[in-house]
N, C-alpha and C. Protein backbone atom coordinates (compact mmCIF):
# COMPACT_ATOMS: atom_id res chain seq x y z
N UNK A 1 15.41 -22.40 -2.68
CA UNK A 1 16.24 -21.83 -3.74
C UNK A 1 16.30 -20.33 -3.59
N UNK A 2 17.51 -19.80 -3.63
CA UNK A 2 17.68 -18.36 -3.50
C UNK A 2 17.96 -17.76 -4.87
N UNK A 3 17.26 -16.67 -5.18
CA UNK A 3 17.41 -16.04 -6.48
C UNK A 3 18.45 -14.93 -6.42
N UNK A 4 19.10 -14.67 -7.54
CA UNK A 4 20.06 -13.58 -7.64
C UNK A 4 19.30 -12.30 -8.01
N UNK A 5 20.00 -11.17 -7.95
CA UNK A 5 19.38 -9.90 -8.35
C UNK A 5 18.93 -9.95 -9.80
N UNK A 6 19.78 -10.53 -10.67
CA UNK A 6 19.45 -10.62 -12.09
C UNK A 6 18.21 -11.49 -12.30
N UNK A 7 18.13 -12.60 -11.57
CA UNK A 7 16.96 -13.47 -11.69
C UNK A 7 15.71 -12.78 -11.16
N UNK A 8 15.87 -11.97 -10.12
CA UNK A 8 14.73 -11.22 -9.57
C UNK A 8 14.16 -10.29 -10.62
N UNK A 9 15.03 -9.57 -11.31
CA UNK A 9 14.60 -8.65 -12.37
C UNK A 9 13.85 -9.40 -13.46
N UNK A 10 14.39 -10.56 -13.83
CA UNK A 10 13.78 -11.34 -14.91
C UNK A 10 12.46 -11.97 -14.47
N UNK A 11 12.45 -12.56 -13.29
CA UNK A 11 11.24 -13.23 -12.80
C UNK A 11 10.08 -12.25 -12.67
N UNK A 12 10.37 -11.05 -12.15
CA UNK A 12 9.33 -10.05 -11.92
C UNK A 12 9.01 -9.24 -13.17
N UNK A 13 9.84 -9.39 -14.21
CA UNK A 13 9.60 -8.67 -15.46
C UNK A 13 9.81 -7.17 -15.36
N UNK A 14 10.73 -6.76 -14.50
CA UNK A 14 10.96 -5.32 -14.31
C UNK A 14 11.43 -4.64 -15.59
N UNK A 15 12.21 -5.35 -16.39
CA UNK A 15 12.74 -4.75 -17.62
C UNK A 15 11.69 -4.68 -18.73
N UNK A 16 10.49 -5.17 -18.46
CA UNK A 16 9.42 -5.13 -19.45
C UNK A 16 8.37 -4.07 -19.15
N UNK A 17 8.54 -3.34 -18.06
CA UNK A 17 7.58 -2.31 -17.68
C UNK A 17 7.97 -1.00 -18.34
N UNK A 18 7.06 -0.45 -19.14
CA UNK A 18 7.36 0.76 -19.90
C UNK A 18 7.50 1.97 -18.99
N UNK A 19 8.43 2.85 -19.37
CA UNK A 19 8.64 4.13 -18.69
C UNK A 19 8.92 3.97 -17.20
N UNK A 20 9.58 2.89 -16.85
CA UNK A 20 9.89 2.63 -15.44
C UNK A 20 11.37 2.32 -15.30
N UNK A 21 12.01 3.02 -14.36
CA UNK A 21 13.42 2.80 -14.05
C UNK A 21 13.51 2.55 -12.55
N UNK A 22 14.27 1.54 -12.17
CA UNK A 22 14.30 1.11 -10.77
C UNK A 22 15.67 1.34 -10.16
N UNK A 23 15.66 1.92 -8.96
CA UNK A 23 16.92 2.14 -8.25
C UNK A 23 17.49 0.80 -7.78
N UNK A 24 18.77 0.80 -7.52
CA UNK A 24 19.40 -0.40 -6.97
C UNK A 24 18.78 -0.77 -5.63
N UNK A 25 18.44 0.25 -4.84
CA UNK A 25 17.77 0.01 -3.56
C UNK A 25 16.44 -0.70 -3.76
N UNK A 26 15.65 -0.23 -4.71
CA UNK A 26 14.33 -0.80 -4.97
C UNK A 26 14.45 -2.26 -5.39
N UNK A 27 15.38 -2.54 -6.30
CA UNK A 27 15.59 -3.91 -6.75
C UNK A 27 16.04 -4.80 -5.60
N UNK A 28 16.90 -4.24 -4.73
CA UNK A 28 17.37 -5.00 -3.57
C UNK A 28 16.20 -5.34 -2.64
N UNK A 29 15.29 -4.39 -2.46
CA UNK A 29 14.13 -4.64 -1.60
C UNK A 29 13.25 -5.75 -2.19
N UNK A 30 13.04 -5.73 -3.50
CA UNK A 30 12.25 -6.78 -4.14
C UNK A 30 12.98 -8.13 -4.07
N UNK A 31 14.30 -8.06 -4.22
CA UNK A 31 15.14 -9.27 -4.11
C UNK A 31 15.00 -9.87 -2.71
N UNK A 32 15.06 -9.02 -1.68
CA UNK A 32 14.89 -9.50 -0.31
C UNK A 32 13.50 -10.10 -0.11
N UNK A 33 12.50 -9.44 -0.73
CA UNK A 33 11.13 -9.92 -0.59
C UNK A 33 10.93 -11.27 -1.21
N UNK A 34 11.49 -11.47 -2.39
CA UNK A 34 11.28 -12.73 -3.11
C UNK A 34 12.05 -13.88 -2.45
N UNK A 35 13.09 -13.55 -1.70
CA UNK A 35 13.89 -14.59 -1.05
C UNK A 35 13.50 -14.83 0.40
N UNK A 36 12.94 -13.85 1.07
CA UNK A 36 12.60 -14.00 2.49
C UNK A 36 11.09 -13.96 2.74
N UNK A 37 10.32 -13.60 1.73
CA UNK A 37 8.85 -13.54 1.82
C UNK A 37 8.37 -12.45 2.78
N UNK A 38 9.22 -11.50 3.12
CA UNK A 38 8.77 -10.42 4.00
C UNK A 38 7.98 -9.37 3.22
N UNK A 39 8.08 -9.41 1.90
CA UNK A 39 7.32 -8.53 1.02
C UNK A 39 6.83 -9.38 -0.15
N UNK A 40 5.58 -9.18 -0.54
CA UNK A 40 5.07 -9.86 -1.73
C UNK A 40 5.51 -9.06 -2.95
N UNK A 41 6.69 -9.40 -3.47
CA UNK A 41 7.26 -8.63 -4.58
C UNK A 41 6.36 -8.65 -5.81
N UNK A 42 5.67 -9.77 -6.02
CA UNK A 42 4.74 -9.85 -7.13
C UNK A 42 3.61 -8.85 -7.01
N UNK A 43 3.11 -8.65 -5.79
CA UNK A 43 2.04 -7.67 -5.55
C UNK A 43 2.54 -6.26 -5.82
N UNK A 44 3.79 -5.99 -5.47
CA UNK A 44 4.37 -4.67 -5.72
C UNK A 44 4.40 -4.40 -7.23
N UNK A 45 4.87 -5.38 -7.99
CA UNK A 45 4.98 -5.21 -9.44
C UNK A 45 3.60 -5.07 -10.08
N UNK A 46 2.62 -5.81 -9.59
CA UNK A 46 1.26 -5.68 -10.14
C UNK A 46 0.72 -4.27 -9.90
N UNK A 47 1.02 -3.71 -8.74
CA UNK A 47 0.57 -2.34 -8.45
C UNK A 47 1.24 -1.35 -9.40
N UNK A 48 2.53 -1.56 -9.67
CA UNK A 48 3.26 -0.67 -10.57
C UNK A 48 2.69 -0.76 -11.98
N UNK A 49 2.43 -1.97 -12.44
CA UNK A 49 1.88 -2.17 -13.78
C UNK A 49 0.49 -1.52 -13.91
N UNK A 50 -0.19 -1.41 -12.79
CA UNK A 50 -1.56 -0.88 -12.83
C UNK A 50 -1.67 0.62 -12.69
N UNK A 51 -0.55 1.33 -12.54
CA UNK A 51 -0.62 2.78 -12.37
C UNK A 51 -1.37 3.40 -13.55
N UNK A 52 -2.39 4.17 -13.23
CA UNK A 52 -3.14 4.87 -14.27
C UNK A 52 -4.25 4.08 -14.90
N UNK A 53 -4.36 2.79 -14.57
CA UNK A 53 -5.41 1.97 -15.17
C UNK A 53 -6.68 2.04 -14.33
N UNK A 54 -7.81 1.76 -14.98
CA UNK A 54 -9.09 1.79 -14.26
C UNK A 54 -9.13 0.70 -13.19
N UNK A 55 -8.47 -0.42 -13.45
CA UNK A 55 -8.43 -1.51 -12.46
C UNK A 55 -7.69 -1.07 -11.22
N UNK A 56 -6.55 -0.39 -11.41
CA UNK A 56 -5.74 0.04 -10.28
C UNK A 56 -6.49 1.03 -9.40
N UNK A 57 -7.31 1.89 -10.01
CA UNK A 57 -8.00 2.92 -9.26
C UNK A 57 -9.00 2.33 -8.27
N UNK A 58 -9.45 1.10 -8.51
CA UNK A 58 -10.37 0.47 -7.58
C UNK A 58 -9.67 0.10 -6.28
N UNK A 59 -8.37 -0.07 -6.33
CA UNK A 59 -7.63 -0.50 -5.15
C UNK A 59 -6.82 0.65 -4.57
N UNK A 60 -6.11 1.34 -5.42
CA UNK A 60 -5.27 2.44 -4.99
C UNK A 60 -5.16 3.42 -6.13
N UNK A 61 -4.52 4.52 -5.90
CA UNK A 61 -4.33 5.49 -6.96
C UNK A 61 -3.03 6.24 -6.74
N UNK A 62 -2.59 6.88 -7.79
CA UNK A 62 -1.35 7.65 -7.74
C UNK A 62 -1.57 8.88 -6.86
N UNK A 63 -0.67 9.08 -5.92
CA UNK A 63 -0.81 10.19 -4.99
C UNK A 63 0.50 10.96 -4.88
N UNK A 64 0.39 12.20 -4.44
CA UNK A 64 1.57 13.05 -4.21
C UNK A 64 1.81 13.21 -2.72
N UNK A 65 3.07 13.36 -2.36
CA UNK A 65 3.42 13.75 -1.00
C UNK A 65 3.35 15.27 -0.89
N UNK A 66 2.83 15.75 0.20
CA UNK A 66 2.77 17.19 0.44
C UNK A 66 3.55 17.59 1.69
N UNK A 67 3.96 16.60 2.48
CA UNK A 67 4.76 16.91 3.66
C UNK A 67 6.16 17.36 3.26
N UNK A 68 6.79 18.09 4.11
CA UNK A 68 8.09 18.71 3.80
C UNK A 68 9.16 17.69 3.40
N UNK A 69 9.20 16.55 4.07
CA UNK A 69 10.30 15.60 3.86
C UNK A 69 10.27 14.97 2.46
N UNK A 70 9.09 14.69 1.93
CA UNK A 70 8.99 13.93 0.67
C UNK A 70 8.23 14.68 -0.42
N UNK A 71 8.01 15.96 -0.22
CA UNK A 71 7.30 16.76 -1.21
C UNK A 71 8.03 16.71 -2.55
N UNK A 72 7.28 16.49 -3.62
CA UNK A 72 7.86 16.36 -4.95
C UNK A 72 7.85 14.93 -5.46
N UNK A 73 7.63 13.98 -4.54
CA UNK A 73 7.59 12.57 -4.92
C UNK A 73 6.13 12.08 -4.98
N UNK A 74 5.95 10.94 -5.63
CA UNK A 74 4.64 10.31 -5.73
C UNK A 74 4.68 8.93 -5.05
N UNK A 75 3.50 8.39 -4.80
CA UNK A 75 3.44 7.02 -4.28
C UNK A 75 2.13 6.37 -4.66
N UNK A 76 2.15 5.05 -4.68
CA UNK A 76 0.94 4.24 -4.76
C UNK A 76 1.03 3.24 -3.61
N UNK A 77 -0.09 2.61 -3.31
CA UNK A 77 -0.08 1.52 -2.35
C UNK A 77 0.00 0.19 -3.09
N UNK A 78 0.68 -0.75 -2.49
CA UNK A 78 0.51 -2.13 -2.96
C UNK A 78 -0.22 -2.88 -1.86
N UNK A 79 -0.94 -3.89 -2.29
CA UNK A 79 -1.79 -4.62 -1.35
C UNK A 79 -1.50 -6.10 -1.44
N UNK A 80 -1.45 -6.76 -0.29
CA UNK A 80 -1.29 -8.20 -0.24
C UNK A 80 -2.18 -8.76 0.85
N UNK A 81 -2.35 -10.07 0.83
CA UNK A 81 -3.36 -10.71 1.69
C UNK A 81 -3.19 -10.39 3.17
N UNK A 82 -1.95 -10.24 3.62
CA UNK A 82 -1.74 -10.01 5.06
C UNK A 82 -2.24 -8.65 5.53
N UNK A 83 -2.63 -7.78 4.58
CA UNK A 83 -3.16 -6.47 4.95
C UNK A 83 -4.66 -6.50 5.22
N UNK A 84 -5.30 -7.65 4.97
CA UNK A 84 -6.76 -7.72 5.12
C UNK A 84 -7.18 -7.41 6.56
N UNK A 85 -6.46 -7.99 7.53
CA UNK A 85 -6.81 -7.78 8.94
C UNK A 85 -6.75 -6.30 9.31
N UNK A 86 -5.70 -5.62 8.86
CA UNK A 86 -5.56 -4.19 9.16
C UNK A 86 -6.68 -3.38 8.53
N UNK A 87 -7.07 -3.73 7.31
CA UNK A 87 -8.15 -3.00 6.65
C UNK A 87 -9.48 -3.23 7.35
N UNK A 88 -9.73 -4.45 7.80
CA UNK A 88 -10.95 -4.71 8.56
C UNK A 88 -10.95 -3.93 9.87
N UNK A 89 -9.80 -3.90 10.51
CA UNK A 89 -9.67 -3.15 11.76
C UNK A 89 -9.95 -1.67 11.53
N UNK A 90 -9.41 -1.13 10.44
CA UNK A 90 -9.63 0.28 10.12
C UNK A 90 -11.10 0.55 9.82
N UNK A 91 -11.70 -0.36 9.04
CA UNK A 91 -13.10 -0.14 8.63
C UNK A 91 -14.03 -0.13 9.84
N UNK A 92 -13.84 -1.09 10.75
CA UNK A 92 -14.73 -1.20 11.89
C UNK A 92 -14.22 -0.44 13.11
N UNK A 93 -13.12 0.29 12.92
CA UNK A 93 -12.54 1.12 13.99
C UNK A 93 -12.26 0.30 15.25
N UNK A 94 -11.64 -0.86 15.04
CA UNK A 94 -11.39 -1.77 16.16
C UNK A 94 -10.26 -1.28 17.06
N UNK A 95 -9.49 -0.30 16.59
CA UNK A 95 -8.45 0.27 17.45
C UNK A 95 -9.05 1.17 18.52
N UNK A 96 -10.31 1.56 18.31
CA UNK A 96 -10.99 2.42 19.28
C UNK A 96 -11.70 1.54 20.32
N UNK A 97 -11.48 1.84 21.56
CA UNK A 97 -12.15 1.08 22.61
C UNK A 97 -13.65 1.29 22.52
N UNK A 98 -14.41 0.21 22.58
CA UNK A 98 -15.87 0.28 22.47
C UNK A 98 -16.31 0.95 21.17
N UNK A 99 -15.78 0.45 20.05
CA UNK A 99 -16.13 1.00 18.74
C UNK A 99 -17.63 0.96 18.51
N UNK A 100 -18.24 2.12 18.36
CA UNK A 100 -19.69 2.19 18.15
C UNK A 100 -20.06 1.62 16.78
N UNK A 101 -19.18 1.81 15.80
CA UNK A 101 -19.48 1.29 14.46
C UNK A 101 -19.56 -0.23 14.48
N UNK A 102 -18.60 -0.86 15.15
CA UNK A 102 -18.59 -2.32 15.25
C UNK A 102 -19.78 -2.80 16.08
N UNK A 103 -20.05 -2.13 17.20
CA UNK A 103 -21.16 -2.51 18.08
C UNK A 103 -22.48 -2.41 17.33
N UNK A 104 -22.67 -1.33 16.57
CA UNK A 104 -23.91 -1.13 15.82
C UNK A 104 -24.09 -2.21 14.76
N UNK A 105 -22.98 -2.56 14.07
CA UNK A 105 -23.07 -3.57 13.02
C UNK A 105 -23.37 -4.95 13.61
N UNK A 106 -22.81 -5.23 14.78
CA UNK A 106 -23.08 -6.52 15.44
C UNK A 106 -24.56 -6.66 15.76
N UNK A 107 -25.15 -5.60 16.33
CA UNK A 107 -26.58 -5.63 16.64
C UNK A 107 -27.42 -5.78 15.38
N UNK A 108 -27.01 -5.07 14.32
CA UNK A 108 -27.75 -5.12 13.07
C UNK A 108 -27.70 -6.51 12.44
N UNK A 109 -26.50 -7.13 12.48
CA UNK A 109 -26.34 -8.47 11.90
C UNK A 109 -27.21 -9.48 12.64
N UNK A 110 -27.19 -9.42 13.97
CA UNK A 110 -27.97 -10.37 14.76
C UNK A 110 -29.48 -10.13 14.60
N UNK A 111 -29.86 -8.86 14.48
CA UNK A 111 -31.29 -8.55 14.34
C UNK A 111 -31.86 -9.09 13.03
N UNK A 112 -31.02 -9.22 12.02
CA UNK A 112 -31.46 -9.79 10.74
C UNK A 112 -31.93 -11.23 10.92
N UNK A 113 -31.38 -11.88 11.95
CA UNK A 113 -31.76 -13.26 12.23
C UNK A 113 -32.70 -13.36 13.44
N UNK A 114 -33.24 -12.21 13.85
CA UNK A 114 -34.20 -12.20 14.94
C UNK A 114 -33.57 -12.41 16.31
N UNK A 115 -32.26 -12.13 16.42
CA UNK A 115 -31.57 -12.32 17.70
C UNK A 115 -31.54 -11.00 18.46
N UNK A 116 -31.94 -11.04 19.73
CA UNK A 116 -31.88 -9.87 20.59
C UNK A 116 -30.90 -10.12 21.73
N UNK A 117 -30.54 -9.06 22.44
CA UNK A 117 -29.59 -9.19 23.55
C UNK A 117 -30.11 -10.22 24.55
N UNK A 118 -29.26 -11.17 24.91
CA UNK A 118 -29.62 -12.20 25.86
C UNK A 118 -30.12 -13.47 25.22
N UNK A 119 -30.44 -13.42 23.90
CA UNK A 119 -30.92 -14.62 23.20
C UNK A 119 -29.76 -15.56 22.90
N UNK A 120 -30.10 -16.82 22.68
CA UNK A 120 -29.12 -17.79 22.20
C UNK A 120 -28.71 -17.40 20.79
N UNK A 121 -27.40 -17.39 20.54
CA UNK A 121 -26.89 -16.99 19.22
C UNK A 121 -26.78 -18.23 18.34
N UNK A 122 -27.60 -18.28 17.33
CA UNK A 122 -27.65 -19.44 16.44
C UNK A 122 -26.49 -19.43 15.46
N UNK A 123 -26.28 -20.57 14.83
CA UNK A 123 -25.23 -20.67 13.82
C UNK A 123 -25.54 -19.74 12.65
N UNK A 124 -26.83 -19.60 12.31
CA UNK A 124 -27.22 -18.70 11.23
C UNK A 124 -26.87 -17.26 11.55
N UNK A 125 -27.05 -16.88 12.82
CA UNK A 125 -26.73 -15.51 13.23
C UNK A 125 -25.23 -15.26 13.16
N UNK A 126 -24.45 -16.26 13.57
CA UNK A 126 -22.98 -16.13 13.49
C UNK A 126 -22.54 -16.01 12.04
N UNK A 127 -23.14 -16.80 11.16
CA UNK A 127 -22.81 -16.72 9.73
C UNK A 127 -23.17 -15.34 9.16
N UNK A 128 -24.31 -14.81 9.59
CA UNK A 128 -24.74 -13.49 9.13
C UNK A 128 -23.74 -12.43 9.59
N UNK A 129 -23.35 -12.52 10.87
CA UNK A 129 -22.38 -11.57 11.40
C UNK A 129 -21.05 -11.65 10.64
N UNK A 130 -20.57 -12.87 10.39
CA UNK A 130 -19.30 -13.06 9.68
C UNK A 130 -19.38 -12.46 8.29
N UNK A 131 -20.49 -12.71 7.60
CA UNK A 131 -20.67 -12.16 6.25
C UNK A 131 -20.62 -10.64 6.27
N UNK A 132 -21.36 -10.03 7.19
CA UNK A 132 -21.43 -8.57 7.26
C UNK A 132 -20.08 -7.97 7.67
N UNK A 133 -19.39 -8.67 8.57
CA UNK A 133 -18.09 -8.18 9.02
C UNK A 133 -17.10 -8.15 7.85
N UNK A 134 -17.03 -9.23 7.08
CA UNK A 134 -16.11 -9.30 5.94
C UNK A 134 -16.54 -8.35 4.83
N UNK A 135 -17.84 -8.11 4.74
CA UNK A 135 -18.34 -7.17 3.73
C UNK A 135 -17.71 -5.79 3.90
N UNK A 136 -17.31 -5.49 5.12
CA UNK A 136 -16.63 -4.22 5.38
C UNK A 136 -15.37 -4.07 4.55
N UNK A 137 -14.68 -5.19 4.31
CA UNK A 137 -13.48 -5.16 3.48
C UNK A 137 -13.84 -4.80 2.04
N UNK A 138 -14.89 -5.42 1.52
CA UNK A 138 -15.31 -5.14 0.15
C UNK A 138 -15.81 -3.71 0.01
N UNK A 139 -16.52 -3.21 1.01
CA UNK A 139 -16.98 -1.82 0.98
C UNK A 139 -15.80 -0.86 0.94
N UNK A 140 -14.78 -1.20 1.71
CA UNK A 140 -13.59 -0.35 1.75
C UNK A 140 -12.87 -0.36 0.40
N UNK A 141 -12.83 -1.53 -0.25
CA UNK A 141 -12.20 -1.64 -1.56
C UNK A 141 -12.95 -0.82 -2.60
N UNK A 142 -14.28 -0.92 -2.59
CA UNK A 142 -15.09 -0.19 -3.56
C UNK A 142 -14.98 1.32 -3.35
N UNK A 143 -14.72 1.73 -2.13
CA UNK A 143 -14.57 3.16 -1.82
C UNK A 143 -13.14 3.64 -1.99
N UNK A 144 -12.26 2.75 -2.52
CA UNK A 144 -10.86 3.09 -2.74
C UNK A 144 -10.17 3.51 -1.45
N UNK A 145 -10.44 2.76 -0.37
CA UNK A 145 -9.86 3.12 0.92
C UNK A 145 -8.99 2.00 1.51
N UNK A 146 -8.61 1.05 0.67
CA UNK A 146 -7.76 -0.03 1.19
C UNK A 146 -6.40 0.52 1.59
N UNK A 147 -5.93 0.06 2.73
CA UNK A 147 -4.63 0.47 3.24
C UNK A 147 -3.59 -0.59 2.88
N UNK A 148 -2.51 -0.15 2.28
CA UNK A 148 -1.39 -1.02 1.98
C UNK A 148 -0.10 -0.32 2.34
N UNK A 149 1.01 -0.87 1.91
CA UNK A 149 2.28 -0.17 2.08
C UNK A 149 2.58 0.61 0.81
N UNK A 150 3.63 1.42 0.83
CA UNK A 150 3.81 2.40 -0.23
C UNK A 150 4.98 2.09 -1.16
N UNK A 151 4.76 2.36 -2.44
CA UNK A 151 5.80 2.34 -3.47
C UNK A 151 6.09 3.81 -3.80
N UNK A 152 7.32 4.25 -3.56
CA UNK A 152 7.65 5.66 -3.73
C UNK A 152 8.48 5.87 -4.99
N UNK A 153 8.07 6.86 -5.77
CA UNK A 153 8.75 7.09 -7.05
C UNK A 153 8.72 8.57 -7.41
N UNK A 154 9.49 8.88 -8.44
CA UNK A 154 9.61 10.26 -8.93
C UNK A 154 9.24 10.28 -10.40
N UNK A 155 8.39 11.22 -10.80
CA UNK A 155 8.10 11.44 -12.21
C UNK A 155 9.12 12.44 -12.76
N UNK A 156 9.86 12.02 -13.78
CA UNK A 156 10.92 12.87 -14.32
C UNK A 156 11.10 12.57 -15.80
N UNK A 157 10.93 13.60 -16.63
CA UNK A 157 11.11 13.46 -18.08
C UNK A 157 10.34 12.28 -18.67
N UNK A 158 9.06 12.20 -18.32
CA UNK A 158 8.17 11.17 -18.84
C UNK A 158 8.57 9.75 -18.42
N UNK A 159 9.36 9.64 -17.40
CA UNK A 159 9.75 8.34 -16.84
C UNK A 159 9.38 8.31 -15.36
N UNK A 160 9.13 7.12 -14.86
CA UNK A 160 8.93 6.96 -13.42
C UNK A 160 10.18 6.31 -12.84
N UNK A 161 10.78 6.99 -11.89
CA UNK A 161 11.97 6.48 -11.22
C UNK A 161 11.54 5.92 -9.86
N UNK A 162 11.57 4.62 -9.75
CA UNK A 162 11.13 3.98 -8.51
C UNK A 162 12.29 3.94 -7.52
N UNK A 163 12.06 4.57 -6.36
CA UNK A 163 13.14 4.82 -5.40
C UNK A 163 13.19 3.77 -4.30
N UNK A 164 12.05 3.56 -3.64
CA UNK A 164 12.07 2.69 -2.46
C UNK A 164 10.67 2.22 -2.11
N UNK A 165 10.60 1.10 -1.42
CA UNK A 165 9.37 0.69 -0.75
C UNK A 165 9.39 1.35 0.63
N UNK A 166 8.23 1.69 1.12
CA UNK A 166 8.15 2.32 2.44
C UNK A 166 6.97 1.74 3.21
N UNK A 167 7.13 1.69 4.52
CA UNK A 167 6.12 1.08 5.37
C UNK A 167 5.52 2.13 6.29
N UNK A 168 4.27 1.95 6.65
CA UNK A 168 3.60 2.95 7.48
C UNK A 168 4.20 3.04 8.88
N UNK A 169 4.97 2.05 9.25
CA UNK A 169 5.65 2.11 10.55
C UNK A 169 6.83 3.08 10.52
N UNK A 170 7.22 3.51 9.32
CA UNK A 170 8.34 4.43 9.16
C UNK A 170 7.84 5.87 9.07
N UNK A 171 8.65 6.79 9.57
CA UNK A 171 8.33 8.20 9.40
C UNK A 171 8.82 8.67 8.03
N UNK A 172 8.26 9.78 7.55
CA UNK A 172 8.72 10.34 6.28
C UNK A 172 10.20 10.71 6.36
N UNK A 173 10.63 11.12 7.53
CA UNK A 173 12.04 11.48 7.70
C UNK A 173 12.95 10.26 7.49
N UNK A 174 12.54 9.11 8.01
CA UNK A 174 13.33 7.89 7.84
C UNK A 174 13.39 7.48 6.37
N UNK A 175 12.25 7.61 5.68
CA UNK A 175 12.22 7.28 4.26
C UNK A 175 13.11 8.23 3.47
N UNK A 176 13.03 9.50 3.80
CA UNK A 176 13.87 10.51 3.13
C UNK A 176 15.36 10.19 3.32
N UNK A 177 15.74 9.84 4.53
CA UNK A 177 17.14 9.54 4.80
C UNK A 177 17.62 8.34 3.98
N UNK A 178 16.75 7.36 3.81
CA UNK A 178 17.11 6.20 3.00
C UNK A 178 17.29 6.59 1.52
N UNK A 179 16.41 7.43 1.03
CA UNK A 179 16.52 7.90 -0.35
C UNK A 179 17.81 8.68 -0.54
N UNK A 180 18.12 9.55 0.42
CA UNK A 180 19.36 10.33 0.33
C UNK A 180 20.58 9.42 0.33
N UNK A 181 20.55 8.42 1.17
CA UNK A 181 21.71 7.54 1.32
C UNK A 181 21.96 6.67 0.09
N UNK A 182 20.88 6.15 -0.50
CA UNK A 182 21.05 5.16 -1.56
C UNK A 182 20.73 5.66 -2.97
N UNK A 183 19.91 6.71 -3.08
CA UNK A 183 19.45 7.11 -4.42
C UNK A 183 20.08 8.39 -4.94
N UNK A 184 20.53 9.28 -4.07
CA UNK A 184 21.09 10.54 -4.54
C UNK A 184 22.32 10.33 -5.42
N UNK A 185 23.17 9.38 -5.03
CA UNK A 185 24.38 9.14 -5.81
C UNK A 185 24.05 8.50 -7.16
N UNK A 186 22.97 7.73 -7.20
CA UNK A 186 22.56 7.07 -8.44
C UNK A 186 21.87 8.04 -9.39
N UNK A 187 21.03 8.90 -8.84
CA UNK A 187 20.29 9.88 -9.64
C UNK A 187 20.37 11.24 -8.93
N UNK A 188 21.42 12.00 -9.16
CA UNK A 188 21.62 13.29 -8.45
C UNK A 188 20.48 14.28 -8.63
N UNK A 189 19.75 14.21 -9.76
CA UNK A 189 18.68 15.17 -10.01
C UNK A 189 17.53 15.06 -9.01
N UNK A 190 17.48 13.97 -8.26
CA UNK A 190 16.43 13.82 -7.25
C UNK A 190 16.52 14.96 -6.24
N UNK A 191 17.73 15.43 -6.00
CA UNK A 191 17.93 16.51 -5.02
C UNK A 191 17.10 17.73 -5.38
N UNK A 192 16.96 18.00 -6.68
CA UNK A 192 16.20 19.18 -7.11
C UNK A 192 14.73 19.08 -6.71
N UNK A 193 14.21 17.87 -6.75
CA UNK A 193 12.80 17.66 -6.41
C UNK A 193 12.57 17.68 -4.91
N UNK A 194 13.59 17.30 -4.17
CA UNK A 194 13.45 17.21 -2.71
C UNK A 194 14.07 18.40 -1.99
N UNK A 195 14.40 19.42 -2.73
CA UNK A 195 15.01 20.59 -2.11
C UNK A 195 13.92 21.39 -1.41
N UNK A 196 13.82 21.25 -0.11
CA UNK A 196 12.73 21.89 0.64
C UNK A 196 12.95 23.38 0.83
N UNK A 197 14.09 23.90 0.42
CA UNK A 197 14.33 25.34 0.61
C UNK A 197 13.57 26.16 -0.42
N UNK A 198 13.17 25.52 -1.57
CA UNK A 198 12.37 26.25 -2.56
C UNK A 198 11.05 25.54 -2.70
N UNK A 199 10.11 25.56 -2.24
CA UNK A 199 8.88 24.78 -2.21
C UNK A 199 8.25 24.66 -3.60
N UNK A 200 9.03 24.29 -4.58
CA UNK A 200 8.51 24.17 -5.93
C UNK A 200 8.32 22.72 -6.27
N UNK A 201 7.23 22.42 -6.95
CA UNK A 201 6.98 21.09 -7.47
C UNK A 201 7.39 21.06 -8.92
N UNK A 202 8.06 20.00 -9.35
CA UNK A 202 8.42 19.83 -10.73
C UNK A 202 7.36 18.98 -11.40
N UNK A 203 7.01 19.31 -12.62
CA UNK A 203 6.01 18.54 -13.35
C UNK A 203 6.63 18.05 -14.65
């Protein structure tokens, strides 16, 4: 079953979120997510509802852009299950060849079960290693270091204007171009916040 834009707004409860206004682009992205499953639209909305709450701070927090392209805008991360692998990779530095952090943790996990290099690895030792490896995800969450994708918005006149979803595979320049293309005509005042010729932040 394919949902319409109006059904997307209703299903996700966008019109029930206080002090939140959503661009047509943003709604379209959530609509695409709910119909194609390429984005967990429900997770995005939960992150938005949690802005400023103590629960939200455990996972992500409201942040400002300081780079030239998006200075003046804010963002939060949203998190969904498919990001777990990336967070584990970040925590154990698996992108680094011969990660010392991962190597050290492996030795530590096995030593808890009395396993030394060259010994037969018991099922108990494997379970210990698995537990410690996954614990890295929980440690990262408690330290507020979970990596997700970004929800980009503007604070203006006590309202949050949600502009676009953005992915870490995109450059700030690409995100800026999308905002210019789809959001400037809808909300012309955004230009004042993104005017890089005067490096002023609006509050």
